[in-house]
Amino acid sequence: MTEQEIKNLVTKQRNYFLTGATLPVSTRIDALYRLYAAITEHEKEINDALRKDLGKSGFESYMCETGMVLEELSYMIKHTKRFAGEKRVRTPLAQFHSRSYQKPSPYGVTLIMSPWNYPFMLTLSPLADALAAGNTAVVKPSAYSPYTSEVILRILSQCFEPQYVAVVTGGRAENTCLLREHFDYIFFTGSQAVGKEVMRNAAEHLTPVTLELGGKSPCIVDQTANIRLAAKRIVFGKYLNCGQTCVAPDYIYCHRSIKDKLIKEVQKQIQKQYGKQPLRNPNYGKIINEKHFDRILGLIDERKLVHGGSSDRKTLRIEPTVMDNVTFSDAVMQEEIFGPIMPILVYDNLDDVIRKVNAMPHPLALYFFTSDKSAAKKVTSRCGFGGGCINDTIIHLATTEMGFGGFGESGMGAYHGKIGFDTFSHYKSIVDKKTWIDLPMRYQPYRKIHEKMVRFFLK
């Protein structure tokens, strides 16, 4: 799509939004129903596309992508009417007689830019929130997941006219053109480097943004943890989608006394969950492209390997890999891994862990395996991170009752459920003042009696 075509598209959406066509709650719910039905109808195509792009099995595609979008749509269909209603609030006595309320209103024309690692879910889940809030949307999926992008284009074109919801495919040139346009809200999921560009361009129009980024999410395991269960859940979270998950445990930070036991249990779990030959497991995913394949292989230090390390360039697969005796100065600790490598680091004192985590860029997630409730409270209170779990990984993002989002370098803003509706809504604060009474105290000329009244009301 050319720059002029993108410009025309944004103009067309703005004109459509200004007609008020997206405002009725019935219109919003109808849009959500149509999208739900289309996704259900095209589920096989979605699965096929995700397998081609990322090697995902049908089960994993539904569990981590399609099913989560359907859940978000179902939630919004059920609750949009309530969310879209005016919320009455208390009026101060000084404003007698008035009715005060907050009115949720859509921002207008929104831009949703999504990544390649969960290309279906991370495109259509925020779209569900944007539509529920009454916005139009321009959707820009990643060029790195072309098969899924094509399915998204087909589904959204079937459901909506382009003045309501449109898909722009392509790569960096299209991204650049889109970011030059004046949107009313931008929702971006991706890398920190691109997130900075999004924010820089948004600043030109003072456009508010949500940035869902990433970072090195720590997984802390203390000496009181259930090591067997911890290993099982860590292996699931780390190697899901071949490690290409923004909230995957990036590295394991375990107490020195349980390190060897944890490594043995991790090795057992890798074999149990992925088999003796993971590279031949049809349900084990692949790296998105050769560029990232080579980048990940470059992070493996063979001197520190204790499990895995093998790869297959033809299928872009890298075996679930574990590295021991890792330090914070190693190459694998200098960037977000975003691949199936698990570095193991050790600590002796939990306070040192908290200091170290807080000295690093704020991560998107933090996981802590422990049986010590006071230690869990200490870590979750004192460490800065987007969200996380105690004694599990990943699952905190799988609920519509809590917002999911980053903090500091891992992003800003959140979505899912009610918080997703709020993200794409501006809440207008309105006072409806009655005309049958008008208190004189605020008007000049000021008198002593007026001052007494003001002091009575405002204290």
Protein backbone atom coordinates (compact mmCIF):
# COMPACT_ATOMS: atom_id res chain seq x y z
CA MET A 1 0.00 0.00 0.00
CA THR A 2 1.40 3.38 -1.01
CA GLU A 3 1.78 6.39 1.26
CA GLN A 4 -1.14 8.13 -0.45
CA GLU A 5 -3.34 5.04 -0.09
CA ILE A 6 -2.56 4.89 3.62
CA LYS A 7 -3.31 8.59 3.96
CA ASN A 8 -6.64 8.13 2.17
CA LEU A 9 -7.48 5.15 4.36
CA VAL A 10 -6.92 7.08 7.59
CA THR A 11 -8.97 9.99 6.24
CA LYS A 12 -11.79 7.62 5.27
CA GLN A 13 -11.79 6.07 8.75
CA ARG A 14 -11.83 9.48 10.43
CA ASN A 15 -14.77 10.63 8.32
CA TYR A 16 -16.61 7.42 9.13
CA PHE A 17 -15.94 7.75 12.85
CA LEU A 18 -17.17 11.35 12.84
CA THR A 19 -20.55 10.20 11.51
CA GLY A 20 -21.10 8.49 14.87
CA ALA A 21 -21.65 5.12 13.19
CA THR A 22 -19.42 3.24 15.65
CA LEU A 23 -20.96 4.73 18.80
CA PRO A 24 -24.15 2.67 19.33
CA VAL A 25 -23.52 -0.23 21.68
CA SER A 26 -25.57 -2.49 19.40
CA THR A 27 -23.16 -1.73 16.54
CA ARG A 28 -20.16 -2.59 18.68
CA ILE A 29 -21.61 -5.88 19.89
CA ASP A 30 -22.67 -6.81 16.36
CA ALA A 31 -19.06 -6.23 15.20
CA LEU A 32 -17.77 -8.48 17.97
CA TYR A 33 -20.26 -11.21 17.06
CA ARG A 34 -19.27 -11.04 13.39
CA LEU A 35 -15.60 -11.32 14.24
CA TYR A 36 -16.23 -14.26 16.59
CA ALA A 37 -18.18 -16.12 13.91
CA ALA A 38 -15.55 -15.49 11.24
CA ILE A 39 -12.72 -16.74 13.47
CA THR A 40 -14.66 -19.91 14.25
CA GLU A 41 -15.34 -20.41 10.55
CA HIS A 42 -11.68 -19.97 9.60
CA GLU A 43 -10.09 -21.89 12.49
CA LYS A 44 -8.45 -24.49 10.24
CA GLU A 45 -6.92 -21.76 8.04
CA ILE A 46 -5.63 -19.99 11.15
CA ASN A 47 -4.03 -23.21 12.40
CA ASP A 48 -2.44 -23.89 9.01
CA ALA A 49 -1.02 -20.36 8.85
CA LEU A 50 0.44 -20.54 12.35
CA ARG A 51 2.05 -23.87 11.55
CA LYS A 52 3.65 -22.43 8.41
CA ASP A 53 4.88 -19.29 10.18
CA LEU A 54 5.95 -20.72 13.55
CA GLY A 55 5.53 -24.49 13.44
CA LYS A 56 2.71 -24.40 16.01
CA SER A 57 0.52 -27.42 16.53
CA GLY A 58 -3.25 -27.11 16.27
CA PHE A 59 -3.55 -27.58 20.03
CA GLU A 60 -1.05 -24.84 20.84
CA SER A 61 -2.58 -22.53 18.24
CA TYR A 62 -5.97 -22.78 19.90
CA MET A 63 -4.64 -22.67 23.47
CA CYS A 64 -2.37 -19.67 22.97
CA GLU A 65 -3.92 -17.77 20.07
CA THR A 66 -7.38 -18.53 18.65
CA GLY A 67 -8.96 -19.59 21.93
CA MET A 68 -7.66 -16.55 23.77
CA VAL A 69 -9.08 -14.22 21.10
CA LEU A 70 -12.45 -15.96 21.27
CA GLU A 71 -12.41 -15.64 25.06
CA GLU A 72 -11.70 -11.89 24.81
CA LEU A 73 -14.49 -11.47 22.27
CA SER A 74 -16.93 -13.44 24.43
CA TYR A 75 -16.08 -11.30 27.43
CA MET A 76 -16.57 -8.09 25.50
CA ILE A 77 -19.85 -9.26 23.97
CA LYS A 78 -21.12 -9.96 27.48
CA HIS A 79 -19.89 -6.78 29.16
CA THR A 80 -19.69 -3.99 26.55
CA LYS A 81 -23.16 -2.63 27.32
CA ARG A 82 -22.23 -2.19 30.97
CA PHE A 83 -18.75 -0.85 30.23
CA ALA A 84 -20.11 1.74 27.77
CA GLY A 85 -22.62 3.18 30.22
CA GLU A 86 -22.19 6.46 32.05
CA LYS A 87 -20.83 6.09 35.59
CA ARG A 88 -22.40 8.45 38.08
CA VAL A 89 -20.09 9.80 40.80
CA ARG A 90 -20.62 11.78 43.98
CA THR A 91 -21.07 15.54 43.53
CA PRO A 92 -19.50 17.87 46.14
CA LEU A 93 -22.00 19.82 48.22
CA ALA A 94 -20.54 23.05 46.81
CA GLN A 95 -21.89 22.05 43.37
CA PHE A 96 -25.47 21.62 44.59
CA HIS A 97 -27.66 20.85 42.68
CA SER A 98 -25.84 18.82 39.96
CA ARG A 99 -25.37 15.36 38.56
CA SER A 100 -21.75 14.33 38.01
CA TYR A 101 -20.78 11.42 35.80
CA GLN A 102 -18.02 9.93 33.71
CA LYS A 103 -18.79 9.12 30.09
CA PRO A 104 -16.54 6.57 28.32
CA SER A 105 -15.92 7.70 24.76
CA PRO A 106 -13.86 6.11 22.00
CA TYR A 107 -10.64 7.82 21.01
CA GLY A 108 -11.50 7.60 17.32
CA VAL A 109 -9.14 6.22 14.68
CA THR A 110 -6.74 3.70 16.24
CA LEU A 111 -3.65 1.94 14.94
CA ILE A 112 -2.85 -1.59 16.15
CA MET A 113 0.66 -2.81 15.29
CA SER A 114 1.34 -6.44 16.18
CA PRO A 115 4.40 -8.73 16.30
CA TRP A 116 5.18 -12.09 14.73
CA ASN A 117 5.52 -14.37 17.76
CA TYR A 118 1.80 -14.60 18.56
CA PRO A 119 0.61 -12.97 15.36
CA PHE A 120 -3.07 -13.85 15.58
CA MET A 121 -3.74 -13.30 19.28
CA LEU A 122 -1.68 -10.13 19.60
CA THR A 123 -3.51 -8.60 16.64
CA LEU A 124 -7.13 -9.53 17.28
CA SER A 125 -7.24 -9.40 21.08
CA PRO A 126 -6.51 -5.64 21.21
CA LEU A 127 -8.79 -5.21 18.19
CA ALA A 128 -11.65 -6.71 20.22
CA ASP A 129 -11.02 -4.12 22.94
CA ALA A 130 -10.83 -1.27 20.41
CA LEU A 131 -14.11 -2.27 18.76
CA ALA A 132 -15.89 -2.73 22.09
CA ALA A 133 -14.85 0.81 23.02
CA GLY A 134 -16.34 2.16 19.76
CA ASN A 135 -13.25 2.97 17.70
CA THR A 136 -12.29 2.34 14.10
CA ALA A 137 -9.01 0.49 13.59
CA VAL A 138 -6.15 0.17 11.14
CA VAL A 139 -4.43 -3.15 11.79
CA LYS A 140 -0.79 -3.69 10.84
CA PRO A 141 0.38 -7.31 11.35
CA SER A 142 4.03 -8.29 11.14
CA ALA A 143 5.74 -8.96 7.82
CA TYR A 144 7.64 -11.82 9.49
CA SER A 145 4.47 -13.94 9.79
CA PRO A 146 3.05 -13.60 6.25
CA TYR A 147 0.72 -16.60 6.28
CA THR A 148 -1.04 -15.43 9.44
CA SER A 149 -1.16 -11.86 8.13
CA GLU A 150 -2.93 -13.14 5.01
CA VAL A 151 -5.54 -14.97 7.09
CA ILE A 152 -6.08 -11.88 9.25
CA LEU A 153 -6.59 -9.81 6.09
CA ARG A 154 -9.10 -12.34 4.77
CA ILE A 155 -11.07 -12.52 8.02
CA LEU A 156 -11.24 -8.79 8.67
CA SER A 157 -12.10 -8.00 5.05
CA GLN A 158 -14.97 -10.47 5.31
CA CYS A 159 -16.27 -8.88 8.52
CA PHE A 160 -15.77 -5.14 8.00
CA GLU A 161 -15.67 -2.38 5.45
CA PRO A 162 -12.24 -0.67 5.35
CA GLN A 163 -13.62 2.59 6.75
CA TYR A 164 -14.36 0.64 9.96
CA VAL A 165 -11.53 -1.91 10.18
CA ALA A 166 -8.72 -2.18 7.65
CA VAL A 167 -5.56 -4.27 7.36
CA VAL A 168 -2.30 -2.88 6.02
CA THR A 169 0.25 -5.55 5.17
CA GLY A 170 3.88 -5.03 4.29
CA GLY A 171 7.07 -4.20 6.11
CA ARG A 172 9.17 -1.28 7.27
CA ALA A 173 8.02 1.12 4.52
CA GLU A 174 4.36 0.64 5.44
CA ASN A 175 5.16 0.99 9.14
CA THR A 176 6.92 4.29 8.46
CA CYS A 177 4.00 5.64 6.44
CA LEU A 178 1.48 4.62 9.09
CA LEU A 179 3.44 6.25 11.90
CA ARG A 180 3.52 9.54 9.99
CA GLU A 181 -0.28 9.67 10.05
CA HIS A 182 -2.34 11.29 12.78
CA PHE A 183 -4.04 8.52 14.75
CA ASP A 184 -6.06 9.10 17.90
CA TYR A 185 -4.50 6.12 19.66
CA ILE A 186 -1.65 3.73 18.88
CA PHE A 187 -1.38 0.23 20.34
CA PHE A 188 1.99 -1.39 19.67
CA THR A 189 3.36 -4.79 20.59
CA GLY A 190 6.96 -5.58 19.70
CA SER A 191 10.58 -4.79 20.47
CA GLN A 192 11.88 -1.94 22.60
CA ALA A 193 13.80 -0.49 19.65
CA VAL A 194 10.69 -0.19 17.47
CA GLY A 195 8.65 0.89 20.49
CA LYS A 196 10.89 3.94 20.82
CA GLU A 197 10.24 4.81 17.18
CA VAL A 198 6.51 4.44 17.69
CA MET A 199 6.60 6.76 20.69
CA ARG A 200 8.83 9.26 18.90
CA ASN A 201 6.41 9.47 15.96
CA ALA A 202 3.35 9.54 18.20
CA ALA A 203 4.80 12.56 19.99
CA GLU A 204 4.53 14.59 16.77
CA HIS A 205 0.74 14.46 17.10
CA LEU A 206 0.65 14.06 20.90
CA THR A 207 -1.01 10.71 20.28
CA PRO A 208 -1.40 8.50 23.37
CA VAL A 209 0.16 5.05 23.12
CA THR A 210 0.16 1.64 24.70
CA LEU A 211 3.52 -0.12 24.32
CA GLU A 212 3.72 -3.84 25.01
CA LEU A 213 7.44 -4.58 24.81
CA GLY A 214 9.60 -7.25 26.45
CA GLY A 215 12.82 -7.63 28.37
CA LYS A 216 14.72 -10.16 30.41
CA SER A 217 12.05 -11.63 32.68
CA PRO A 218 13.66 -13.34 35.70
CA CYS A 219 12.49 -16.63 37.15
CA ILE A 220 13.62 -16.88 40.78
CA VAL A 221 13.66 -20.26 42.53
CA ASP A 222 14.42 -20.32 46.24
CA GLN A 223 15.43 -23.17 48.53
CA THR A 224 11.86 -23.73 49.77
CA ALA A 225 10.37 -24.30 46.31
CA ASN A 226 8.77 -27.52 45.12
CA ILE A 227 11.62 -28.24 42.71
CA ARG A 228 9.88 -30.95 40.70
CA LEU A 229 6.79 -28.85 40.05
CA ALA A 230 8.88 -25.73 39.47
CA ALA A 231 10.90 -27.49 36.76
CA LYS A 232 7.72 -28.72 35.07
CA ARG A 233 6.15 -25.28 34.94
CA ILE A 234 9.37 -23.48 34.02
CA VAL A 235 10.02 -25.83 31.09
CA PHE A 236 6.47 -25.23 29.85
CA GLY A 237 6.82 -21.45 30.03
CA LYS A 238 10.37 -21.26 28.69
CA TYR A 239 10.03 -23.47 25.63
CA LEU A 240 6.44 -22.66 24.65
CA ASN A 241 6.48 -21.36 21.07
CA CYS A 242 10.16 -22.34 20.93
CA GLY A 243 10.95 -19.67 23.54
CA GLN A 244 9.52 -16.88 21.39
CA THR A 245 7.22 -15.49 24.06
CA CYS A 246 7.56 -11.97 25.45
CA VAL A 247 6.76 -13.17 28.98
CA ALA A 248 8.86 -16.35 28.83
CA PRO A 249 11.22 -16.85 31.79
CA ASP A 250 14.34 -15.35 30.24
CA TYR A 251 16.76 -16.71 32.83
CA ILE A 252 16.65 -18.82 35.99
CA TYR A 253 18.00 -17.21 39.16
CA CYS A 254 18.07 -20.02 41.72
CA HIS A 255 19.44 -20.48 45.21
CA ARG A 256 22.84 -22.11 45.09
CA SER A 257 21.77 -24.98 47.35
CA ILE A 258 19.14 -26.32 44.94
CA LYS A 259 20.77 -25.60 41.58
CA ASP A 260 21.92 -29.14 40.79
CA LYS A 261 18.59 -30.65 41.76
CA LEU A 262 16.73 -28.08 39.66
CA ILE A 263 18.89 -28.75 36.59
CA LYS A 264 18.25 -32.51 36.87
CA GLU A 265 14.51 -31.94 37.11
CA VAL A 266 14.58 -29.51 34.17
CA GLN A 267 16.42 -32.11 32.07
CA LYS A 268 13.79 -34.71 32.98
CA GLN A 269 10.95 -32.36 32.12
CA ILE A 270 12.42 -31.40 28.75
CA GLN A 271 12.56 -35.06 27.80
CA LYS A 272 9.11 -35.74 29.23
CA GLN A 273 7.43 -32.79 27.50
CA TYR A 274 9.33 -32.75 24.19
CA GLY A 275 10.69 -36.28 23.85
CA LYS A 276 14.21 -37.63 23.40
CA GLN A 277 14.48 -35.98 19.99
CA PRO A 278 12.75 -32.59 20.23
CA LEU A 279 13.90 -31.58 16.75
CA ARG A 280 11.69 -34.35 15.36
CA ASN A 281 8.71 -33.57 17.59
CA PRO A 282 5.90 -32.36 15.28
CA ASN A 283 4.41 -30.33 18.15
CA TYR A 284 7.62 -28.40 18.85
CA GLY A 285 7.73 -25.06 17.05
CA LYS A 286 10.39 -23.39 14.96
CA ILE A 287 12.28 -20.11 14.95
CA ILE A 288 10.53 -17.47 12.86
CA ASN A 289 13.36 -16.93 10.35
CA GLU A 290 17.03 -17.53 9.66
CA LYS A 291 18.09 -14.14 11.02
CA HIS A 292 16.74 -14.95 14.47
CA PHE A 293 17.92 -18.55 14.18
CA ASP A 294 21.52 -17.36 13.78
CA ARG A 295 21.14 -14.73 16.50
CA ILE A 296 19.96 -17.33 19.02
CA LEU A 297 22.69 -19.82 18.11
CA GLY A 298 25.21 -17.03 18.70
CA LEU A 299 24.09 -16.83 22.34
CA ILE A 300 24.94 -20.47 23.10
CA ASP A 301 28.25 -21.03 24.90
CA GLU A 302 29.09 -24.68 24.30
CA ARG A 303 31.44 -24.69 27.32
CA LYS A 304 28.43 -24.11 29.56
CA LEU A 305 25.97 -26.49 27.93
CA VAL A 306 24.32 -29.03 30.21
CA HIS A 307 21.44 -29.92 27.92
CA GLY A 308 20.51 -29.53 24.26
CA GLY A 309 22.29 -27.16 21.92
CA SER A 310 21.54 -29.03 18.69
CA SER A 311 19.79 -27.35 15.79
CA ASP A 312 18.45 -27.98 12.29
CA ARG A 313 18.85 -25.11 9.85
CA LYS A 314 16.50 -26.68 7.29
CA THR A 315 13.58 -26.63 9.71
CA LEU A 316 14.81 -23.60 11.73
CA ARG A 317 14.59 -25.61 14.93
CA ILE A 318 16.80 -25.29 17.99
CA GLU A 319 16.65 -27.92 20.69
CA PRO A 320 15.55 -26.90 24.21
CA THR A 321 18.88 -25.82 25.66
CA VAL A 322 20.15 -25.32 29.21
CA MET A 323 23.34 -23.48 30.17
CA ASP A 324 24.93 -23.67 33.65
CA ASN A 325 27.49 -21.47 35.41
CA VAL A 326 26.19 -18.41 33.58
CA THR A 327 27.09 -14.93 34.82
CA PHE A 328 25.53 -11.55 34.10
CA SER A 329 28.50 -10.70 31.87
CA ASP A 330 27.86 -13.58 29.44
CA ALA A 331 26.52 -12.82 25.96
CA VAL A 332 23.26 -14.62 26.70
CA MET A 333 22.56 -12.10 29.48
CA GLN A 334 23.12 -8.99 27.36
CA GLU A 335 19.82 -9.12 25.45
CA GLU A 336 16.38 -10.67 25.59
CA ILE A 337 16.91 -14.26 24.45
CA PHE A 338 13.55 -14.81 22.75
CA GLY A 339 14.49 -18.38 21.98
CA PRO A 340 14.83 -21.84 23.60
CA ILE A 341 17.91 -21.16 25.75
CA MET A 342 17.66 -21.38 29.53
CA PRO A 343 20.62 -19.78 31.39
CA ILE A 344 21.02 -20.81 35.04
CA LEU A 345 22.44 -18.27 37.50
CA VAL A 346 22.76 -18.67 41.27
CA TYR A 347 22.36 -16.49 44.34
CA ASP A 348 22.98 -16.83 48.06
CA ASN A 349 20.84 -14.03 49.48
CA LEU A 350 17.38 -12.93 48.34
CA ASP A 351 18.15 -9.29 49.05
CA ASP A 352 20.97 -9.48 46.50
CA VAL A 353 18.47 -10.84 43.95
CA ILE A 354 16.10 -7.92 44.55
CA ARG A 355 18.92 -5.40 44.19
CA LYS A 356 20.16 -7.04 40.98
CA VAL A 357 16.71 -7.28 39.38
CA ASN A 358 15.98 -3.64 40.22
CA ALA A 359 19.35 -2.55 38.81
CA MET A 360 18.39 -3.98 35.40
CA PRO A 361 15.76 -2.60 32.98
CA HIS A 362 12.28 -3.36 34.31
CA PRO A 363 11.12 -6.72 32.87
CA LEU A 364 7.70 -7.48 31.45
CA ALA A 365 7.28 -10.44 33.81
CA LEU A 366 8.75 -11.89 36.98
CA TYR A 367 8.27 -15.41 38.34
CA PHE A 368 9.07 -16.62 41.84
CA PHE A 369 8.95 -20.24 42.97
CA THR A 370 8.80 -20.49 46.75
CA SER A 371 6.89 -21.91 49.70
CA ASP A 372 7.76 -18.87 51.82
CA LYS A 373 4.83 -16.43 51.77
CA SER A 374 6.84 -13.64 53.35
CA ALA A 375 9.56 -14.01 50.71
CA ALA A 376 6.91 -13.91 47.95
CA LYS A 377 5.45 -10.73 49.42
CA LYS A 378 8.91 -9.19 49.67
CA VAL A 379 9.83 -9.91 46.04
CA THR A 380 6.49 -8.83 44.56
CA SER A 381 6.50 -5.65 46.65
CA ARG A 382 10.08 -4.53 46.09
CA CYS A 383 10.84 -5.61 42.51
CA GLY A 384 9.64 -3.56 39.53
CA PHE A 385 8.00 -5.60 36.75
CA GLY A 386 4.90 -5.68 34.57
CA GLY A 387 3.15 -8.76 35.99
CA GLY A 388 3.94 -12.32 36.90
CA CYS A 389 3.24 -15.44 38.91
CA ILE A 390 4.07 -17.10 42.18
CA ASN A 391 4.86 -20.77 41.57
CA ASP A 392 3.97 -20.72 37.90
CA THR A 393 4.84 -19.04 34.60
CA ILE A 394 2.96 -17.33 31.75
CA ILE A 395 -0.59 -17.83 33.01
CA HIS A 396 -1.08 -14.33 34.46
CA LEU A 397 -1.80 -13.01 30.96
CA ALA A 398 -4.56 -15.57 30.35
CA THR A 399 -7.32 -13.86 32.31
CA THR A 400 -9.75 -11.16 31.24
CA GLU A 401 -10.15 -10.06 34.86
CA MET A 402 -6.64 -8.58 35.09
CA GLY A 403 -4.82 -6.18 32.85
CA PHE A 404 -1.67 -7.31 31.10
CA GLY A 405 1.06 -4.78 30.40
CA GLY A 406 4.60 -3.61 30.88
CA PHE A 407 6.40 -1.26 33.23
CA GLY A 408 9.29 1.07 32.52
CA GLU A 409 11.47 -0.35 29.75
CA SER A 410 9.04 -3.23 29.18
CA GLY A 411 6.24 -0.90 28.12
CA MET A 412 3.35 1.20 29.31
CA GLY A 413 -0.39 0.71 29.52
CA ALA A 414 -2.32 -2.54 29.70
CA TYR A 415 -5.20 -4.42 28.13
CA HIS A 416 -7.51 -7.48 28.50
CA GLY A 417 -11.10 -7.31 29.64
CA LYS A 418 -12.33 -4.14 31.33
CA ILE A 419 -8.83 -2.65 31.35
CA GLY A 420 -8.64 -3.22 27.58
CA PHE A 421 -11.91 -1.33 27.15
CA ASP A 422 -10.53 1.47 29.32
CA THR A 423 -7.31 1.58 27.29
CA PHE A 424 -9.21 2.41 24.12
CA SER A 425 -11.61 4.83 25.86
CA HIS A 426 -11.35 8.42 27.03
CA TYR A 427 -13.44 9.07 30.14
CA LYS A 428 -15.09 12.47 29.92
CA SER A 429 -15.86 14.01 33.31
CA ILE A 430 -19.16 15.87 33.07
CA VAL A 431 -21.20 17.93 35.52
CA ASP A 432 -24.85 18.43 34.63
CA LYS A 433 -25.78 21.57 36.60
CA LYS A 434 -29.44 22.28 37.28
CA THR A 435 -30.88 25.69 36.50
CA TRP A 436 -33.45 26.10 39.26
CA ILE A 437 -30.84 27.15 41.84
CA ASP A 438 -27.62 29.16 41.57
CA LEU A 439 -25.45 29.62 44.67
CA PRO A 440 -24.03 33.18 44.64
CA MET A 441 -20.80 32.57 46.56
CA ARG A 442 -18.51 32.17 43.54
CA TYR A 443 -19.46 35.42 41.87
CA GLN A 444 -17.91 38.83 42.40
CA PRO A 445 -18.18 41.10 44.23
CA TYR A 446 -16.90 38.81 47.01
CA ARG A 447 -18.42 39.32 50.47
CA LYS A 448 -17.61 38.05 53.94
CA ILE A 449 -20.62 35.76 53.92
CA HIS A 450 -19.40 34.28 50.62
CA GLU A 451 -15.96 33.61 52.08
CA LYS A 452 -17.53 31.87 55.06
CA MET A 453 -19.57 29.70 52.71
CA VAL A 454 -16.51 28.80 50.60
CA ARG A 455 -14.55 27.89 53.71
CA PHE A 456 -17.46 25.78 54.90
CA PHE A 457 -17.67 23.81 51.67
CA LEU A 458 -13.94 23.57 50.82
CA LYS A 459 -12.11 22.01 53.72
